[in-house]
Amino acid sequence: MFGRVVPLLIVVGLGVYGYEEYSRRNAPLPASSPKPEVQEVSANYRCDGRIHCSQMTSCAEATFFLRNCPNVRMDGNNDGVPCEQQWCTSPFAK
């Protein structure tokens, strides 16, 4: 009996985890005011015409450009997280 139940529980657990991760990443971002940490970072950056991830040097810089500069092309899936392939890949990247 355990030989059938344990693998089934593992598969179900992985399915639930995968669904939660998928839902979390595809959930629309709530509209909120800019966080204070963004205000601190903004003193270090300015809109200077860069629009692509390859022109950025960090996730923080890309996030500043996405939130504050016009015509940037850094959020292909429109989820509010820029440069996911290059800079903002870690859940801890800020």
PDB file of N, CA and C in Angstrom:
ATOM      1  N   MET A   1       0.824  -1.189   0.000  1.00  0.00           N
ATOM      2  CA  MET A   1       0.000   0.000   0.000  1.00  0.00           C
ATOM      3  C   MET A   1       0.876   1.265   0.000  1.00  0.00           C
ATOM      4  N   PHE A   2       1.918   1.299   0.856  1.00  0.00           N
ATOM      5  CA  PHE A   2       2.789   2.480   0.916  1.00  0.00           C
ATOM      6  C   PHE A   2       3.526   2.689  -0.396  1.00  0.00           C
ATOM      7  N   GLY A   3       3.783   1.623  -1.128  1.00  0.00           N
ATOM      8  CA  GLY A   3       4.478   1.703  -2.400  1.00  0.00           C
ATOM      9  C   GLY A   3       3.681   2.458  -3.453  1.00  0.00           C
ATOM     10  N   ARG A   4       2.367   2.559  -3.261  1.00  0.00           N
ATOM     11  CA  ARG A   4       1.523   3.281  -4.211  1.00  0.00           C
ATOM     12  C   ARG A   4       1.101   4.649  -3.683  1.00  0.00           C
ATOM     13  N   VAL A   5       0.924   4.763  -2.389  1.00  0.00           N
ATOM     14  CA  VAL A   5       0.430   6.003  -1.795  1.00  0.00           C
ATOM     15  C   VAL A   5       1.519   7.077  -1.753  1.00  0.00           C
ATOM     16  N   VAL A   6       2.713   6.721  -1.346  1.00  0.00           N
ATOM     17  CA  VAL A   6       3.795   7.696  -1.207  1.00  0.00           C
ATOM     18  C   VAL A   6       4.138   8.349  -2.557  1.00  0.00           C
ATOM     19  N   PRO A   7       4.350   7.595  -3.632  1.00  0.00           N
ATOM     20  CA  PRO A   7       4.621   8.258  -4.915  1.00  0.00           C
ATOM     21  C   PRO A   7       3.459   9.135  -5.377  1.00  0.00           C
ATOM     22  N   LEU A   8       2.229   8.703  -5.121  1.00  0.00           N
ATOM     23  CA  LEU A   8       1.064   9.505  -5.488  1.00  0.00           C
ATOM     24  C   LEU A   8       1.050  10.822  -4.712  1.00  0.00           C
ATOM     25  N   LEU A   9       1.368  10.787  -3.419  1.00  0.00           N
ATOM     26  CA  LEU A   9       1.428  12.007  -2.619  1.00  0.00           C
ATOM     27  C   LEU A   9       2.538  12.936  -3.110  1.00  0.00           C
ATOM     28  N   ILE A  10       3.656  12.379  -3.519  1.00  0.00           N
ATOM     29  CA  ILE A  10       4.750  13.201  -4.038  1.00  0.00           C
ATOM     30  C   ILE A  10       4.334  13.887  -5.330  1.00  0.00           C
ATOM     31  N   VAL A  11       3.698  13.154  -6.221  1.00  0.00           N
ATOM     32  CA  VAL A  11       3.252  13.738  -7.496  1.00  0.00           C
ATOM     33  C   VAL A  11       2.205  14.825  -7.249  1.00  0.00           C
ATOM     34  N   VAL A  12       1.265  14.578  -6.364  1.00  0.00           N
ATOM     35  CA  VAL A  12       0.242  15.580  -6.047  1.00  0.00           C
ATOM     36  C   VAL A  12       0.883  16.812  -5.419  1.00  0.00           C
ATOM     37  N   GLY A  13       1.814  16.605  -4.505  1.00  0.00           N
ATOM     38  CA  GLY A  13       2.503  17.729  -3.872  1.00  0.00           C
ATOM     39  C   GLY A  13       3.257  18.575  -4.876  1.00  0.00           C
ATOM     40  N   LEU A  14       3.962  17.938  -5.793  1.00  0.00           N
ATOM     41  CA  LEU A  14       4.680  18.678  -6.832  1.00  0.00           C
ATOM     42  C   LEU A  14       3.716  19.427  -7.746  1.00  0.00           C
ATOM     43  N   GLY A  15       2.589  18.821  -8.045  1.00  0.00           N
ATOM     44  CA  GLY A  15       1.587  19.492  -8.872  1.00  0.00           C
ATOM     45  C   GLY A  15       1.024  20.729  -8.191  1.00  0.00           C
ATOM     46  N   VAL A  16       0.723  20.633  -6.916  1.00  0.00           N
ATOM     47  CA  VAL A  16       0.205  21.779  -6.167  1.00  0.00           C
ATOM     48  C   VAL A  16       1.248  22.882  -6.101  1.00  0.00           C
ATOM     49  N   TYR A  17       2.489  22.522  -5.821  1.00  0.00           N
ATOM     50  CA  TYR A  17       3.568  23.506  -5.770  1.00  0.00           C
ATOM     51  C   TYR A  17       3.738  24.197  -7.122  1.00  0.00           C
ATOM     52  N   GLY A  18       3.752  23.434  -8.188  1.00  0.00           N
ATOM     53  CA  GLY A  18       3.897  24.003  -9.522  1.00  0.00           C
ATOM     54  C   GLY A  18       2.758  24.939  -9.869  1.00  0.00           C
ATOM     55  N   TYR A  19       1.541  24.560  -9.525  1.00  0.00           N
ATOM     56  CA  TYR A  19       0.389  25.414  -9.803  1.00  0.00           C
ATOM     57  C   TYR A  19       0.465  26.718  -9.011  1.00  0.00           C
ATOM     58  N   GLU A  20       0.872  26.647  -7.750  1.00  0.00           N
ATOM     59  CA  GLU A  20       0.994  27.856  -6.936  1.00  0.00           C
ATOM     60  C   GLU A  20       2.053  28.793  -7.497  1.00  0.00           C
ATOM     61  N   GLU A  21       3.187  28.241  -7.934  1.00  0.00           N
ATOM     62  CA  GLU A  21       4.236  29.068  -8.533  1.00  0.00           C
ATOM     63  C   GLU A  21       3.740  29.706  -9.827  1.00  0.00           C
ATOM     64  N   TYR A  22       3.056  28.933 -10.640  1.00  0.00           N
ATOM     65  CA  TYR A  22       2.513  29.453 -11.897  1.00  0.00           C
ATOM     66  C   TYR A  22       1.507  30.567 -11.619  1.00  0.00           C
ATOM     67  N   SER A  23       0.629  30.361 -10.663  1.00  0.00           N
ATOM     68  CA  SER A  23      -0.382  31.371 -10.322  1.00  0.00           C
ATOM     69  C   SER A  23       0.262  32.629  -9.763  1.00  0.00           C
ATOM     70  N   ARG A  24       1.279  32.469  -8.930  1.00  0.00           N
ATOM     71  CA  ARG A  24       1.945  33.614  -8.329  1.00  0.00           C
ATOM     72  C   ARG A  24       2.635  34.455  -9.395  1.00  0.00           C
ATOM     73  N   ARG A  25       3.288  33.816 -10.343  1.00  0.00           N
ATOM     74  CA  ARG A  25       4.007  34.555 -11.381  1.00  0.00           C
ATOM     75  C   ARG A  25       3.083  35.193 -12.398  1.00  0.00           C
ATOM     76  N   ASN A  26       1.907  34.643 -12.607  1.00  0.00           N
ATOM     77  CA  ASN A  26       0.990  35.171 -13.606  1.00  0.00           C
ATOM     78  C   ASN A  26      -0.109  36.039 -13.007  1.00  0.00           C
ATOM     79  N   ALA A  27      -0.080  36.225 -11.705  1.00  0.00           N
ATOM     80  CA  ALA A  27      -1.079  37.072 -11.064  1.00  0.00           C
ATOM     81  C   ALA A  27      -0.788  38.532 -11.377  1.00  0.00           C
ATOM     82  N   PRO A  28      -1.819  39.328 -11.636  1.00  0.00           N
ATOM     83  CA  PRO A  28      -1.575  40.755 -11.898  1.00  0.00           C
ATOM     84  C   PRO A  28      -1.030  41.433 -10.656  1.00  0.00           C
ATOM     85  N   LEU A  29      -0.119  42.362 -10.873  1.00  0.00           N
ATOM     86  CA  LEU A  29       0.464  43.086  -9.754  1.00  0.00           C
ATOM     87  C   LEU A  29      -0.542  44.099  -9.222  1.00  0.00           C
ATOM     88  N   PRO A  30      -0.668  44.204  -7.905  1.00  0.00           N
ATOM     89  CA  PRO A  30      -1.589  45.191  -7.351  1.00  0.00           C
ATOM     90  C   PRO A  30      -1.071  46.604  -7.591  1.00  0.00           C
ATOM     91  N   ALA A  31      -1.993  47.492  -7.859  1.00  0.00           N
ATOM     92  CA  ALA A  31      -1.610  48.895  -8.044  1.00  0.00           C
ATOM     93  C   ALA A  31      -1.244  49.463  -6.680  1.00  0.00           C
ATOM     94  N   SER A  32      -0.034  49.970  -6.579  1.00  0.00           N
ATOM     95  CA  SER A  32       0.406  50.526  -5.311  1.00  0.00           C
ATOM     96  C   SER A  32       1.336  51.692  -5.590  1.00  0.00           C
ATOM     97  N   SER A  33       1.554  52.471  -4.580  1.00  0.00           N
ATOM     98  CA  SER A  33       2.468  53.599  -4.718  1.00  0.00           C
ATOM     99  C   SER A  33       3.896  53.083  -4.722  1.00  0.00           C
ATOM    100  N   PRO A  34       4.831  53.841  -5.286  1.00  0.00           N
ATOM    101  CA  PRO A  34       6.227  53.395  -5.307  1.00  0.00           C
ATOM    102  C   PRO A  34       6.762  53.171  -3.901  1.00  0.00           C
ATOM    103  N   LYS A  35       7.556  52.146  -3.775  1.00  0.00           N
ATOM    104  CA  LYS A  35       8.142  51.819  -2.479  1.00  0.00           C
ATOM    105  C   LYS A  35       9.256  52.807  -2.162  1.00  0.00           C
ATOM    106  N   PRO A  36       9.507  53.062  -0.889  1.00  0.00           N
ATOM    107  CA  PRO A  36      10.567  53.985  -0.519  1.00  0.00           C
ATOM    108  C   PRO A  36      11.930  53.591  -1.064  1.00  0.00           C
ATOM    109  N   GLU A  37      12.216  52.273  -1.150  1.00  0.00           N
ATOM    110  CA  GLU A  37      13.515  51.856  -1.641  1.00  0.00           C
ATOM    111  C   GLU A  37      13.728  52.283  -3.093  1.00  0.00           C
ATOM    112  N   VAL A  38      12.669  52.383  -3.866  1.00  0.00           N
ATOM    113  CA  VAL A  38      12.790  52.839  -5.238  1.00  0.00           C
ATOM    114  C   VAL A  38      13.181  54.314  -5.259  1.00  0.00           C
ATOM    115  N   GLN A  39      12.660  55.085  -4.326  1.00  0.00           N
ATOM    116  CA  GLN A  39      13.009  56.493  -4.260  1.00  0.00           C
ATOM    117  C   GLN A  39      14.496  56.675  -3.960  1.00  0.00           C
ATOM    118  N   GLU A  40      15.052  55.835  -3.097  1.00  0.00           N
ATOM    119  CA  GLU A  40      16.475  55.914  -2.783  1.00  0.00           C
ATOM    120  C   GLU A  40      17.312  55.557  -4.005  1.00  0.00           C
ATOM    121  N   VAL A  41      16.908  54.518  -4.712  1.00  0.00           N
ATOM    122  CA  VAL A  41      17.637  54.075  -5.887  1.00  0.00           C
ATOM    123  C   VAL A  41      17.569  55.116  -6.988  1.00  0.00           C
ATOM    124  N   SER A  42      16.441  55.839  -7.093  1.00  0.00           N
ATOM    125  CA  SER A  42      16.268  56.787  -8.186  1.00  0.00           C
ATOM    126  C   SER A  42      17.309  57.900  -8.145  1.00  0.00           C
ATOM    127  N   ALA A  43      17.872  58.167  -6.998  1.00  0.00           N
ATOM    128  CA  ALA A  43      18.912  59.189  -6.909  1.00  0.00           C
ATOM    129  C   ALA A  43      20.172  58.738  -7.651  1.00  0.00           C
ATOM    130  N   ASN A  44      20.350  57.435  -7.804  1.00  0.00           N
ATOM    131  CA  ASN A  44      21.537  56.903  -8.460  1.00  0.00           C
ATOM    132  C   ASN A  44      21.392  56.780  -9.975  1.00  0.00           C
ATOM    133  N   TYR A  45      20.173  56.808 -10.506  1.00  0.00           N
ATOM    134  CA  TYR A  45      19.937  56.589 -11.922  1.00  0.00           C
ATOM    135  C   TYR A  45      19.168  57.760 -12.523  1.00  0.00           C
ATOM    136  N   ARG A  46      19.294  57.897 -13.836  1.00  0.00           N
ATOM    137  CA  ARG A  46      18.503  58.894 -14.546  1.00  0.00           C
ATOM    138  C   ARG A  46      18.202  58.349 -15.934  1.00  0.00           C
ATOM    139  N   CYS A  47      17.091  58.764 -16.498  1.00  0.00           N
ATOM    140  CA  CYS A  47      16.703  58.324 -17.835  1.00  0.00           C
ATOM    141  C   CYS A  47      17.683  58.937 -18.834  1.00  0.00           C
ATOM    142  N   ASP A  48      18.402  58.083 -19.534  1.00  0.00           N
ATOM    143  CA  ASP A  48      19.419  58.582 -20.451  1.00  0.00           C
ATOM    144  C   ASP A  48      19.305  57.965 -21.842  1.00  0.00           C
ATOM    145  N   GLY A  49      18.141  57.410 -22.153  1.00  0.00           N
ATOM    146  CA  GLY A  49      17.909  56.881 -23.483  1.00  0.00           C
ATOM    147  C   GLY A  49      18.110  55.383 -23.622  1.00  0.00           C
ATOM    148  N   ARG A  50      18.631  54.734 -22.591  1.00  0.00           N
ATOM    149  CA  ARG A  50      18.798  53.285 -22.671  1.00  0.00           C
ATOM    150  C   ARG A  50      17.428  52.631 -22.582  1.00  0.00           C
ATOM    151  N   ILE A  51      17.205  51.599 -23.389  1.00  0.00           N
ATOM    152  CA  ILE A  51      15.880  50.969 -23.397  1.00  0.00           C
ATOM    153  C   ILE A  51      15.936  49.447 -23.321  1.00  0.00           C
ATOM    154  N   HIS A  52      17.101  48.839 -23.466  1.00  0.00           N
ATOM    155  CA  HIS A  52      17.212  47.382 -23.509  1.00  0.00           C
ATOM    156  C   HIS A  52      17.948  46.830 -22.286  1.00  0.00           C
ATOM    157  N   CYS A  53      17.655  45.574 -21.962  1.00  0.00           N
ATOM    158  CA  CYS A  53      18.296  44.906 -20.824  1.00  0.00           C
ATOM    159  C   CYS A  53      19.808  44.820 -20.991  1.00  0.00           C
ATOM    160  N   SER A  54      20.261  44.657 -22.212  1.00  0.00           N
ATOM    161  CA  SER A  54      21.702  44.538 -22.434  1.00  0.00           C
ATOM    162  C   SER A  54      22.447  45.822 -22.078  1.00  0.00           C
ATOM    163  N   GLN A  55      21.720  46.913 -21.925  1.00  0.00           N
ATOM    164  CA  GLN A  55      22.333  48.183 -21.567  1.00  0.00           C
ATOM    165  C   GLN A  55      22.326  48.435 -20.065  1.00  0.00           C
ATOM    166  N   MET A  56      21.693  47.549 -19.298  1.00  0.00           N
ATOM    167  CA  MET A  56      21.586  47.706 -17.847  1.00  0.00           C
ATOM    168  C   MET A  56      22.734  46.983 -17.154  1.00  0.00           C
ATOM    169  N   THR A  57      22.986  47.351 -15.893  1.00  0.00           N
ATOM    170  CA  THR A  57      24.045  46.707 -15.130  1.00  0.00           C
ATOM    171  C   THR A  57      23.537  46.001 -13.874  1.00  0.00           C
ATOM    172  N   SER A  58      22.223  46.124 -13.573  1.00  0.00           N
ATOM    173  CA  SER A  58      21.669  45.449 -12.405  1.00  0.00           C
ATOM    174  C   SER A  58      20.154  45.395 -12.513  1.00  0.00           C
ATOM    175  N   CYS A  59      19.568  44.580 -11.662  1.00  0.00           N
ATOM    176  CA  CYS A  59      18.111  44.496 -11.603  1.00  0.00           C
ATOM    177  C   CYS A  59      17.522  45.809 -11.084  1.00  0.00           C
ATOM    178  N   ALA A  60      18.170  46.414 -10.115  1.00  0.00           N
ATOM    179  CA  ALA A  60      17.681  47.679  -9.560  1.00  0.00           C
ATOM    180  C   ALA A  60      17.660  48.764 -10.627  1.00  0.00           C
ATOM    181  N   GLU A  61      18.703  48.812 -11.440  1.00  0.00           N
ATOM    182  CA  GLU A  61      18.756  49.811 -12.499  1.00  0.00           C
ATOM    183  C   GLU A  61      17.662  49.556 -13.536  1.00  0.00           C
ATOM    184  N   ALA A  62      17.477  48.304 -13.925  1.00  0.00           N
ATOM    185  CA  ALA A  62      16.440  47.966 -14.896  1.00  0.00           C
ATOM    186  C   ALA A  62      15.052  48.282 -14.341  1.00  0.00           C
ATOM    187  N   THR A  63      14.840  48.014 -13.064  1.00  0.00           N
ATOM    188  CA  THR A  63      13.558  48.312 -12.437  1.00  0.00           C
ATOM    189  C   THR A  63      13.299  49.809 -12.428  1.00  0.00           C
ATOM    190  N   PHE A  64      14.323  50.608 -12.119  1.00  0.00           N
ATOM    191  CA  PHE A  64      14.170  52.056 -12.157  1.00  0.00           C
ATOM    192  C   PHE A  64      13.762  52.514 -13.560  1.00  0.00           C
ATOM    193  N   PHE A  65      14.473  52.032 -14.568  1.00  0.00           N
ATOM    194  CA  PHE A  65      14.181  52.441 -15.937  1.00  0.00           C
ATOM    195  C   PHE A  65      12.765  52.029 -16.340  1.00  0.00           C
ATOM    196  N   LEU A  66      12.342  50.821 -15.971  1.00  0.00           N
ATOM    197  CA  LEU A  66      11.008  50.357 -16.329  1.00  0.00           C
ATOM    198  C   LEU A  66       9.926  51.236 -15.696  1.00  0.00           C
ATOM    199  N   ARG A  67      10.122  51.617 -14.451  1.00  0.00           N
ATOM    200  CA  ARG A  67       9.109  52.393 -13.729  1.00  0.00           C
ATOM    201  C   ARG A  67       9.114  53.877 -14.064  1.00  0.00           C
ATOM    202  N   ASN A  68      10.252  54.410 -14.505  1.00  0.00           N
ATOM    203  CA  ASN A  68      10.366  55.856 -14.620  1.00  0.00           C
ATOM    204  C   ASN A  68      10.683  56.405 -16.002  1.00  0.00           C
ATOM    205  N   CYS A  69      11.112  55.581 -16.929  1.00  0.00           N
ATOM    206  CA  CYS A  69      11.573  56.095 -18.223  1.00  0.00           C
ATOM    207  C   CYS A  69      10.639  55.638 -19.350  1.00  0.00           C
ATOM    208  N   PRO A  70      10.442  56.481 -20.350  1.00  0.00           N
ATOM    209  CA  PRO A  70       9.539  56.142 -21.451  1.00  0.00           C
ATOM    210  C   PRO A  70      10.185  55.202 -22.466  1.00  0.00           C
ATOM    211  N   ASN A  71       9.348  54.449 -23.147  1.00  0.00           N
ATOM    212  CA  ASN A  71       9.728  53.624 -24.304  1.00  0.00           C
ATOM    213  C   ASN A  71      10.774  52.547 -24.031  1.00  0.00           C
ATOM    214  N   VAL A  72      10.847  52.037 -22.799  1.00  0.00           N
ATOM    215  CA  VAL A  72      11.798  50.964 -22.514  1.00  0.00           C
ATOM    216  C   VAL A  72      11.244  49.637 -23.027  1.00  0.00           C
ATOM    217  N   ARG A  73      12.142  48.735 -23.361  1.00  0.00           N
ATOM    218  CA  ARG A  73      11.751  47.415 -23.870  1.00  0.00           C
ATOM    219  C   ARG A  73      12.426  46.347 -23.020  1.00  0.00           C
ATOM    220  N   MET A  74      11.974  46.260 -21.758  1.00  0.00           N
ATOM    221  CA  MET A  74      12.629  45.350 -20.819  1.00  0.00           C
ATOM    222  C   MET A  74      11.672  44.385 -20.138  1.00  0.00           C
ATOM    223  N   ASP A  75      10.398  44.436 -20.472  1.00  0.00           N
ATOM    224  CA  ASP A  75       9.414  43.583 -19.808  1.00  0.00           C
ATOM    225  C   ASP A  75       8.557  42.910 -20.868  1.00  0.00           C
ATOM    226  N   GLY A  76       9.101  41.882 -21.491  1.00  0.00           N
ATOM    227  CA  GLY A  76       8.433  41.224 -22.606  1.00  0.00           C
ATOM    228  C   GLY A  76       7.087  40.613 -22.263  1.00  0.00           C
ATOM    229  N   ASN A  77       6.908  40.131 -21.031  1.00  0.00           N
ATOM    230  CA  ASN A  77       5.640  39.511 -20.675  1.00  0.00           C
ATOM    231  C   ASN A  77       4.743  40.437 -19.851  1.00  0.00           C
ATOM    232  N   ASN A  78       5.130  41.686 -19.716  1.00  0.00           N
ATOM    233  CA  ASN A  78       4.326  42.716 -19.036  1.00  0.00           C
ATOM    234  C   ASN A  78       3.902  42.332 -17.626  1.00  0.00           C
ATOM    235  N   ASP A  79       4.809  41.709 -16.879  1.00  0.00           N
ATOM    236  CA  ASP A  79       4.476  41.341 -15.506  1.00  0.00           C
ATOM    237  C   ASP A  79       5.076  42.297 -14.483  1.00  0.00           C
ATOM    238  N   GLY A  80       5.727  43.365 -14.949  1.00  0.00           N
ATOM    239  CA  GLY A  80       6.293  44.348 -14.036  1.00  0.00           C
ATOM    240  C   GLY A  80       7.706  44.033 -13.577  1.00  0.00           C
ATOM    241  N   VAL A  81       8.249  42.896 -14.007  1.00  0.00           N
ATOM    242  CA  VAL A  81       9.614  42.515 -13.651  1.00  0.00           C
ATOM    243  C   VAL A  81      10.476  42.638 -14.902  1.00  0.00           C
ATOM    244  N   PRO A  82      11.432  43.565 -14.909  1.00  0.00           N
ATOM    245  CA  PRO A  82      12.254  43.755 -16.103  1.00  0.00           C
ATOM    246  C   PRO A  82      13.406  42.757 -16.172  1.00  0.00           C
ATOM    247  N   CYS A  83      13.877  42.511 -17.349  1.00  0.00           N
ATOM    248  CA  CYS A  83      15.124  41.754 -17.580  1.00  0.00           C
ATOM    249  C   CYS A  83      15.177  40.432 -16.816  1.00  0.00           C
ATOM    250  N   GLU A  84      14.108  39.660 -16.906  1.00  0.00           N
ATOM    251  CA  GLU A  84      14.056  38.403 -16.160  1.00  0.00           C
ATOM    252  C   GLU A  84      15.096  37.395 -16.633  1.00  0.00           C
ATOM    253  N   GLN A  85      15.496  37.454 -17.868  1.00  0.00           N
ATOM    254  CA  GLN A  85      16.488  36.515 -18.387  1.00  0.00           C
ATOM    255  C   GLN A  85      17.911  36.900 -17.986  1.00  0.00           C
ATOM    256  N   GLN A  86      18.164  38.196 -17.737  1.00  0.00           N
ATOM    257  CA  GLN A  86      19.527  38.636 -17.460  1.00  0.00           C
ATOM    258  C   GLN A  86      19.753  39.040 -16.014  1.00  0.00           C
ATOM    259  N   TRP A  87      18.945  39.944 -15.495  1.00  0.00           N
ATOM    260  CA  TRP A  87      19.234  40.545 -14.189  1.00  0.00           C
ATOM    261  C   TRP A  87      18.297  40.127 -13.076  1.00  0.00           C
ATOM    262  N   CYS A  88      17.031  40.074 -13.335  1.00  0.00           N
ATOM    263  CA  CYS A  88      16.046  39.864 -12.264  1.00  0.00           C
ATOM    264  C   CYS A  88      15.556  38.415 -12.239  1.00  0.00           C
ATOM    265  N   THR A  89      16.484  37.462 -12.218  1.00  0.00           N
ATOM    266  CA  THR A  89      16.111  36.051 -12.251  1.00  0.00           C
ATOM    267  C   THR A  89      15.867  35.473 -10.865  1.00  0.00           C
ATOM    268  N   SER A  90      16.517  36.001  -9.870  1.00  0.00           N
ATOM    269  CA  SER A  90      16.388  35.478  -8.519  1.00  0.00           C
ATOM    270  C   SER A  90      15.187  36.114  -7.822  1.00  0.00           C
ATOM    271  N   PRO A  91      14.466  35.358  -6.989  1.00  0.00           N
ATOM    272  CA  PRO A  91      13.363  35.969  -6.248  1.00  0.00           C
ATOM    273  C   PRO A  91      13.869  37.013  -5.259  1.00  0.00           C
ATOM    274  N   PHE A  92      15.198  37.019  -4.987  1.00  0.00           N
ATOM    275  CA  PHE A  92      15.761  37.977  -4.052  1.00  0.00           C
ATOM    276  C   PHE A  92      16.385  39.173  -4.758  1.00  0.00           C
ATOM    277  N   ALA A  93      16.375  39.188  -6.080  1.00  0.00           N
ATOM    278  CA  ALA A  93      16.977  40.300  -6.835  1.00  0.00           C
ATOM    279  C   ALA A  93      16.106  41.525  -6.690  1.00  0.00           C
ATOM    280  N   LYS A  94      16.706  42.611  -6.289  1.00  0.00           N
ATOM    281  CA  LYS A  94      15.982  43.896  -6.124  1.00  0.00           C
ATOM    282  C   LYS A  94      16.818  44.988  -6.714  1.00  0.00           C
TER     283      LYS A  94
END
